N, C-alpha and C. Protein backbone atom coordinates (compact mmCIF):
# COMPACT_ATOMS: atom_id res chain seq x y z
N MET A 1 1.43 -11.00 14.83
CA MET A 1 1.80 -10.48 13.52
C MET A 1 2.20 -9.02 13.67
N ILE A 2 3.17 -8.62 12.90
CA ILE A 2 3.64 -7.25 12.99
C ILE A 2 2.67 -6.33 12.26
N ARG A 3 2.19 -5.42 13.01
CA ARG A 3 1.34 -4.36 12.49
C ARG A 3 1.42 -3.26 13.53
N LEU A 4 1.89 -2.13 13.13
CA LEU A 4 2.04 -1.04 14.09
C LEU A 4 0.65 -0.53 14.45
N THR A 5 0.27 -0.76 15.68
CA THR A 5 -1.03 -0.30 16.15
C THR A 5 -0.89 1.13 16.65
N ARG A 6 -2.01 1.72 16.98
CA ARG A 6 -1.99 3.06 17.54
C ARG A 6 -1.19 3.06 18.85
N ALA A 7 -1.30 2.00 19.64
CA ALA A 7 -0.54 1.91 20.89
C ALA A 7 0.96 1.92 20.61
N GLY A 8 1.40 1.20 19.60
CA GLY A 8 2.81 1.20 19.24
C GLY A 8 3.29 2.56 18.78
N GLU A 9 2.49 3.21 17.96
CA GLU A 9 2.86 4.54 17.49
C GLU A 9 2.93 5.53 18.65
N TYR A 10 1.93 5.49 19.52
CA TYR A 10 1.91 6.40 20.67
C TYR A 10 3.07 6.12 21.62
N ALA A 11 3.40 4.85 21.81
CA ALA A 11 4.52 4.50 22.68
C ALA A 11 5.83 5.07 22.14
N ILE A 12 6.03 4.96 20.85
CA ILE A 12 7.24 5.51 20.22
C ILE A 12 7.28 7.02 20.42
N ARG A 13 6.16 7.69 20.20
CA ARG A 13 6.11 9.15 20.35
C ARG A 13 6.34 9.57 21.81
N ALA A 14 5.77 8.82 22.75
CA ALA A 14 5.94 9.16 24.17
C ALA A 14 7.40 8.98 24.60
N VAL A 15 8.01 7.87 24.21
CA VAL A 15 9.42 7.63 24.57
C VAL A 15 10.32 8.65 23.88
N LEU A 16 10.02 8.98 22.66
CA LEU A 16 10.81 10.00 21.96
C LEU A 16 10.70 11.35 22.67
N TYR A 17 9.51 11.70 23.12
CA TYR A 17 9.33 12.94 23.87
C TYR A 17 10.19 12.92 25.13
N LEU A 18 10.16 11.82 25.89
CA LEU A 18 10.95 11.72 27.11
C LEU A 18 12.45 11.74 26.80
N ALA A 19 12.85 11.12 25.70
CA ALA A 19 14.26 11.10 25.30
C ALA A 19 14.76 12.50 24.95
N ALA A 20 13.88 13.35 24.48
CA ALA A 20 14.26 14.70 24.08
C ALA A 20 14.33 15.68 25.25
N GLN A 21 13.88 15.25 26.43
CA GLN A 21 13.90 16.12 27.61
C GLN A 21 15.33 16.18 28.18
N PRO A 22 15.63 17.26 28.90
CA PRO A 22 16.95 17.32 29.56
C PRO A 22 17.14 16.10 30.46
N ASN A 23 18.36 15.64 30.57
CA ASN A 23 18.68 14.41 31.30
C ASN A 23 18.06 14.39 32.69
N GLY A 24 17.26 13.36 32.95
CA GLY A 24 16.68 13.18 34.27
C GLY A 24 15.41 13.95 34.54
N GLN A 25 14.98 14.79 33.61
CA GLN A 25 13.78 15.58 33.84
C GLN A 25 12.55 14.69 33.89
N ILE A 26 11.69 14.94 34.86
CA ILE A 26 10.44 14.21 34.99
C ILE A 26 9.37 15.01 34.27
N SER A 27 8.61 14.33 33.41
CA SER A 27 7.54 14.96 32.65
C SER A 27 6.20 14.39 33.09
N GLY A 28 5.26 15.27 33.32
CA GLY A 28 3.92 14.84 33.71
C GLY A 28 3.21 14.14 32.56
N ARG A 29 2.36 13.21 32.91
CA ARG A 29 1.60 12.46 31.91
C ARG A 29 0.81 13.42 31.01
N GLU A 30 0.20 14.44 31.60
CA GLU A 30 -0.59 15.38 30.82
C GLU A 30 0.28 16.16 29.83
N SER A 31 1.51 16.49 30.24
CA SER A 31 2.43 17.20 29.36
C SER A 31 2.79 16.35 28.15
N VAL A 32 3.08 15.08 28.41
CA VAL A 32 3.42 14.16 27.31
C VAL A 32 2.22 14.01 26.39
N ALA A 33 1.05 13.80 26.98
CA ALA A 33 -0.17 13.61 26.19
C ALA A 33 -0.47 14.82 25.32
N GLU A 34 -0.36 16.01 25.89
CA GLU A 34 -0.64 17.22 25.14
C GLU A 34 0.38 17.44 24.03
N ALA A 35 1.65 17.28 24.36
CA ALA A 35 2.72 17.52 23.37
C ALA A 35 2.64 16.54 22.20
N GLN A 36 2.18 15.32 22.47
CA GLN A 36 2.17 14.29 21.44
C GLN A 36 0.76 13.96 20.91
N SER A 37 -0.23 14.72 21.35
CA SER A 37 -1.63 14.51 20.92
C SER A 37 -2.09 13.07 21.16
N ILE A 38 -1.88 12.62 22.38
CA ILE A 38 -2.26 11.26 22.78
C ILE A 38 -3.31 11.39 23.88
N PRO A 39 -4.43 10.70 23.77
CA PRO A 39 -5.42 10.74 24.85
C PRO A 39 -4.78 10.29 26.18
N VAL A 40 -5.01 11.05 27.26
CA VAL A 40 -4.37 10.80 28.54
C VAL A 40 -4.66 9.39 29.04
N SER A 41 -5.90 8.94 28.93
CA SER A 41 -6.24 7.61 29.45
C SER A 41 -5.51 6.51 28.69
N PHE A 42 -5.37 6.67 27.37
CA PHE A 42 -4.64 5.69 26.56
C PHE A 42 -3.16 5.74 26.89
N LEU A 43 -2.63 6.96 27.07
CA LEU A 43 -1.22 7.12 27.41
C LEU A 43 -0.91 6.46 28.75
N SER A 44 -1.82 6.53 29.70
CA SER A 44 -1.61 5.90 31.00
C SER A 44 -1.36 4.40 30.84
N LYS A 45 -2.14 3.75 30.01
CA LYS A 45 -1.98 2.31 29.78
C LYS A 45 -0.65 2.01 29.09
N ILE A 46 -0.27 2.84 28.15
CA ILE A 46 0.99 2.66 27.43
C ILE A 46 2.17 2.85 28.38
N LEU A 47 2.12 3.91 29.19
CA LEU A 47 3.21 4.18 30.12
C LEU A 47 3.33 3.07 31.16
N GLN A 48 2.22 2.46 31.52
CA GLN A 48 2.27 1.34 32.46
C GLN A 48 3.03 0.16 31.84
N ARG A 49 2.75 -0.14 30.58
CA ARG A 49 3.48 -1.22 29.89
C ARG A 49 4.95 -0.89 29.75
N LEU A 50 5.25 0.35 29.42
CA LEU A 50 6.65 0.77 29.27
C LEU A 50 7.38 0.72 30.61
N SER A 51 6.67 1.02 31.68
CA SER A 51 7.25 0.95 33.02
C SER A 51 7.54 -0.50 33.40
N LEU A 52 6.61 -1.39 33.13
CA LEU A 52 6.81 -2.81 33.42
C LEU A 52 7.99 -3.38 32.64
N ALA A 53 8.24 -2.84 31.45
CA ALA A 53 9.35 -3.30 30.62
C ALA A 53 10.68 -2.64 30.99
N GLY A 54 10.66 -1.73 31.95
CA GLY A 54 11.89 -1.07 32.36
C GLY A 54 12.36 0.02 31.42
N ILE A 55 11.45 0.55 30.63
CA ILE A 55 11.81 1.60 29.68
C ILE A 55 11.59 2.98 30.28
N VAL A 56 10.50 3.15 31.02
CA VAL A 56 10.26 4.40 31.73
C VAL A 56 10.13 4.12 33.22
N ARG A 57 10.33 5.15 34.00
CA ARG A 57 10.17 5.05 35.45
C ARG A 57 9.11 6.08 35.83
N SER A 58 8.22 5.68 36.72
CA SER A 58 7.17 6.60 37.16
C SER A 58 7.48 7.13 38.55
N TYR A 59 7.04 8.35 38.79
CA TYR A 59 7.22 9.02 40.07
C TYR A 59 5.86 9.54 40.51
N LYS A 60 5.51 9.25 41.74
CA LYS A 60 4.21 9.65 42.28
C LYS A 60 4.33 11.01 42.97
N GLY A 61 3.17 11.58 43.25
CA GLY A 61 3.13 12.84 43.99
C GLY A 61 2.87 14.03 43.11
N SER A 62 2.83 15.20 43.74
CA SER A 62 2.50 16.42 43.01
C SER A 62 3.56 16.78 41.96
N ALA A 63 4.79 16.38 42.19
CA ALA A 63 5.86 16.63 41.20
C ALA A 63 6.15 15.37 40.41
N GLY A 64 5.22 14.43 40.43
CA GLY A 64 5.42 13.14 39.78
C GLY A 64 5.30 13.21 38.27
N GLY A 65 5.55 12.09 37.68
CA GLY A 65 5.48 11.98 36.23
C GLY A 65 6.34 10.83 35.77
N PHE A 66 6.96 11.00 34.62
CA PHE A 66 7.73 9.93 34.00
C PHE A 66 9.04 10.46 33.44
N ARG A 67 10.02 9.56 33.40
CA ARG A 67 11.27 9.82 32.70
C ARG A 67 11.78 8.46 32.24
N LEU A 68 12.79 8.50 31.38
CA LEU A 68 13.36 7.24 30.91
C LEU A 68 14.02 6.52 32.08
N ALA A 69 13.90 5.21 32.10
CA ALA A 69 14.49 4.40 33.18
C ALA A 69 15.95 4.11 32.94
N ARG A 70 16.38 4.26 31.72
CA ARG A 70 17.79 4.07 31.38
C ARG A 70 18.14 5.04 30.25
N PRO A 71 19.41 5.21 29.94
CA PRO A 71 19.80 6.18 28.92
C PRO A 71 19.13 5.90 27.57
N ALA A 72 18.80 6.97 26.87
CA ALA A 72 18.14 6.85 25.56
C ALA A 72 18.98 6.05 24.57
N GLU A 73 20.30 6.03 24.76
CA GLU A 73 21.20 5.26 23.88
C GLU A 73 20.94 3.76 24.02
N GLU A 74 20.38 3.36 25.16
CA GLU A 74 20.17 1.94 25.44
C GLU A 74 18.75 1.47 25.14
N ILE A 75 17.90 2.37 24.66
CA ILE A 75 16.51 2.01 24.36
C ILE A 75 16.33 2.06 22.85
N THR A 76 15.89 0.95 22.29
CA THR A 76 15.71 0.88 20.83
C THR A 76 14.24 0.85 20.45
N LEU A 77 14.00 1.06 19.18
CA LEU A 77 12.63 0.93 18.66
C LEU A 77 12.09 -0.47 18.94
N LEU A 78 12.94 -1.47 18.81
CA LEU A 78 12.51 -2.85 19.06
C LEU A 78 12.07 -3.02 20.51
N ASP A 79 12.81 -2.44 21.45
CA ASP A 79 12.45 -2.53 22.87
C ASP A 79 11.05 -1.99 23.11
N VAL A 80 10.79 -0.80 22.58
CA VAL A 80 9.50 -0.13 22.81
C VAL A 80 8.36 -0.90 22.14
N LEU A 81 8.57 -1.33 20.92
CA LEU A 81 7.50 -2.07 20.23
C LEU A 81 7.19 -3.39 20.92
N ARG A 82 8.21 -4.10 21.35
CA ARG A 82 7.96 -5.36 22.06
C ARG A 82 7.22 -5.12 23.38
N ALA A 83 7.57 -4.03 24.06
CA ALA A 83 6.93 -3.73 25.34
C ALA A 83 5.43 -3.48 25.18
N VAL A 84 5.06 -2.85 24.07
CA VAL A 84 3.67 -2.46 23.89
C VAL A 84 2.91 -3.43 22.99
N GLU A 85 3.56 -3.93 21.96
CA GLU A 85 2.89 -4.79 20.98
C GLU A 85 3.03 -6.28 21.29
N GLY A 86 4.03 -6.63 22.08
CA GLY A 86 4.32 -8.04 22.31
C GLY A 86 5.30 -8.53 21.26
N PRO A 87 5.43 -9.84 21.10
CA PRO A 87 6.38 -10.37 20.11
C PRO A 87 6.04 -9.91 18.69
N LEU A 88 7.05 -9.59 17.93
CA LEU A 88 6.86 -9.15 16.55
C LEU A 88 7.06 -10.33 15.62
N ALA A 89 6.20 -10.43 14.62
CA ALA A 89 6.36 -11.49 13.63
C ALA A 89 5.69 -11.06 12.33
N VAL A 90 6.35 -11.34 11.22
CA VAL A 90 5.78 -11.01 9.91
C VAL A 90 4.75 -12.06 9.49
N ASN A 91 4.79 -13.23 10.13
CA ASN A 91 3.81 -14.28 9.86
C ASN A 91 3.61 -15.09 11.13
N LYS A 92 2.41 -15.56 11.36
CA LYS A 92 2.13 -16.27 12.60
C LYS A 92 2.92 -17.56 12.76
N CYS A 93 3.39 -18.12 11.66
CA CYS A 93 4.19 -19.35 11.77
C CYS A 93 5.52 -19.11 12.48
N LEU A 94 5.97 -17.84 12.52
CA LEU A 94 7.21 -17.52 13.22
C LEU A 94 6.98 -17.37 14.73
N LEU A 95 5.76 -17.10 15.11
CA LEU A 95 5.43 -16.96 16.53
C LEU A 95 5.17 -18.30 17.20
N GLU A 96 4.53 -19.18 16.46
CA GLU A 96 4.13 -20.46 17.04
C GLU A 96 4.57 -21.60 16.12
N PRO A 97 5.79 -22.09 16.33
CA PRO A 97 6.26 -23.21 15.51
C PRO A 97 5.28 -24.38 15.62
N GLY A 98 5.04 -25.01 14.51
CA GLY A 98 4.10 -26.13 14.48
C GLY A 98 2.69 -25.71 14.16
N LEU A 99 2.41 -24.41 14.19
CA LEU A 99 1.07 -23.92 13.90
C LEU A 99 0.73 -24.12 12.42
N CYS A 100 1.72 -23.93 11.58
CA CYS A 100 1.51 -24.07 10.14
C CYS A 100 1.54 -25.55 9.74
N HIS A 101 0.54 -25.96 9.03
CA HIS A 101 0.46 -27.36 8.60
C HIS A 101 1.41 -27.67 7.44
N HIS A 102 2.04 -26.63 6.90
CA HIS A 102 2.93 -26.81 5.76
C HIS A 102 4.40 -26.94 6.16
N GLN A 103 4.68 -26.78 7.45
CA GLN A 103 6.06 -26.94 7.91
C GLN A 103 6.35 -28.42 8.04
N PRO A 104 7.52 -28.89 7.89
CA PRO A 104 8.77 -28.17 7.61
C PRO A 104 9.05 -27.99 6.12
N ILE A 105 8.10 -28.30 5.26
CA ILE A 105 8.38 -28.26 3.83
C ILE A 105 7.94 -26.96 3.16
N CYS A 106 7.43 -25.99 3.92
CA CYS A 106 6.93 -24.74 3.34
C CYS A 106 8.08 -23.97 2.70
N PRO A 107 8.00 -23.68 1.41
CA PRO A 107 9.09 -22.96 0.74
C PRO A 107 9.13 -21.47 1.09
N VAL A 108 8.06 -20.95 1.68
CA VAL A 108 8.03 -19.53 2.01
C VAL A 108 8.60 -19.25 3.40
N HIS A 109 8.59 -20.25 4.26
CA HIS A 109 9.03 -20.06 5.64
C HIS A 109 10.43 -19.44 5.75
N PRO A 110 11.42 -19.89 5.00
CA PRO A 110 12.75 -19.26 5.10
C PRO A 110 12.73 -17.77 4.70
N VAL A 111 11.84 -17.42 3.78
CA VAL A 111 11.73 -16.01 3.38
C VAL A 111 11.19 -15.19 4.55
N TRP A 112 10.10 -15.69 5.19
CA TRP A 112 9.54 -14.99 6.35
C TRP A 112 10.59 -14.86 7.45
N ARG A 113 11.36 -15.90 7.67
CA ARG A 113 12.39 -15.89 8.71
C ARG A 113 13.45 -14.82 8.41
N ASP A 114 13.87 -14.72 7.15
CA ASP A 114 14.88 -13.72 6.78
C ASP A 114 14.33 -12.30 6.92
N ILE A 115 13.09 -12.10 6.52
CA ILE A 115 12.45 -10.79 6.67
C ILE A 115 12.36 -10.44 8.15
N GLN A 116 12.00 -11.41 8.96
CA GLN A 116 11.89 -11.22 10.40
C GLN A 116 13.23 -10.79 10.99
N LYS A 117 14.29 -11.46 10.62
CA LYS A 117 15.63 -11.13 11.12
C LYS A 117 16.03 -9.71 10.71
N THR A 118 15.73 -9.34 9.47
CA THR A 118 16.07 -8.00 8.99
C THR A 118 15.27 -6.94 9.73
N LEU A 119 14.00 -7.19 9.93
CA LEU A 119 13.14 -6.25 10.66
C LEU A 119 13.66 -6.04 12.08
N GLU A 120 13.89 -7.13 12.80
CA GLU A 120 14.37 -7.02 14.17
C GLU A 120 15.75 -6.38 14.24
N SER A 121 16.61 -6.70 13.29
CA SER A 121 17.94 -6.12 13.27
C SER A 121 17.88 -4.60 13.08
N THR A 122 17.08 -4.17 12.14
CA THR A 122 16.94 -2.73 11.88
C THR A 122 16.36 -2.01 13.09
N LEU A 123 15.28 -2.53 13.65
CA LEU A 123 14.65 -1.89 14.81
C LEU A 123 15.58 -1.86 16.02
N SER A 124 16.43 -2.87 16.16
CA SER A 124 17.33 -2.93 17.31
C SER A 124 18.54 -2.01 17.15
N GLN A 125 18.77 -1.50 15.95
CA GLN A 125 19.91 -0.62 15.70
C GLN A 125 19.56 0.86 15.79
N VAL A 126 18.29 1.16 16.01
CA VAL A 126 17.87 2.55 16.09
C VAL A 126 17.51 2.88 17.55
N SER A 127 18.34 3.72 18.17
CA SER A 127 18.10 4.09 19.56
C SER A 127 17.29 5.38 19.63
N PHE A 128 16.71 5.61 20.80
CA PHE A 128 15.96 6.84 21.00
C PHE A 128 16.87 8.05 21.13
N ALA A 129 18.13 7.83 21.44
CA ALA A 129 19.10 8.94 21.42
C ALA A 129 19.28 9.41 19.98
N GLN A 130 19.39 8.46 19.05
CA GLN A 130 19.52 8.82 17.63
C GLN A 130 18.26 9.55 17.16
N LEU A 131 17.11 9.01 17.51
CA LEU A 131 15.86 9.61 17.08
C LEU A 131 15.69 11.02 17.65
N ALA A 132 16.04 11.20 18.94
CA ALA A 132 15.90 12.51 19.57
C ALA A 132 16.86 13.53 18.97
N ALA A 133 17.98 13.05 18.41
CA ALA A 133 18.95 13.95 17.80
C ALA A 133 18.63 14.28 16.35
N GLY A 134 17.66 13.59 15.78
CA GLY A 134 17.29 13.80 14.38
C GLY A 134 17.13 12.48 13.72
N LEU A 135 17.02 12.48 12.43
CA LEU A 135 16.82 11.25 11.67
C LEU A 135 18.04 10.34 11.79
N PRO A 136 17.84 9.09 12.20
CA PRO A 136 18.97 8.18 12.34
C PRO A 136 19.51 7.72 10.99
N THR A 137 20.75 7.33 11.01
CA THR A 137 21.35 6.72 9.84
C THR A 137 21.10 5.22 9.96
N LEU A 138 20.31 4.69 9.04
CA LEU A 138 19.99 3.27 9.08
C LEU A 138 21.13 2.47 8.47
N PRO A 139 21.33 1.27 8.99
CA PRO A 139 22.39 0.42 8.44
C PRO A 139 22.07 0.05 7.01
N SER A 140 23.08 0.01 6.16
CA SER A 140 22.85 -0.40 4.77
C SER A 140 23.04 -1.91 4.68
N ASN A 141 22.20 -2.52 3.90
CA ASN A 141 22.28 -3.99 3.75
C ASN A 141 22.89 -4.37 2.45
């Protein structure tokens, strides 16, 4: 079910911080944590998930840290939320077809599906380049 957890919020803030850095700059975990008021141990877990999803790249050593794995223009809010939160759904029936005993006759299911499509569409249209440059212009429906 879609609910922005603290992990999701922190992931967005961490990626936004990295997107705002000069191109290719590596930022230490402690720098990101301090700048975004995120506990370092929690941030480590978030950055690991983001790294596995190909959103950030980690560098080891004394000059190590993190940077975006691809251009900020190619990373969306949807990418980051899926990496940290898992699949997004406004209702559990959208995650697991057949779970709801009221399908296929449920009159609410098409509404949930439309809301789901709108949510994913909006999140996929907002890149971290837009966010780093200021408030994005959201698509009008």
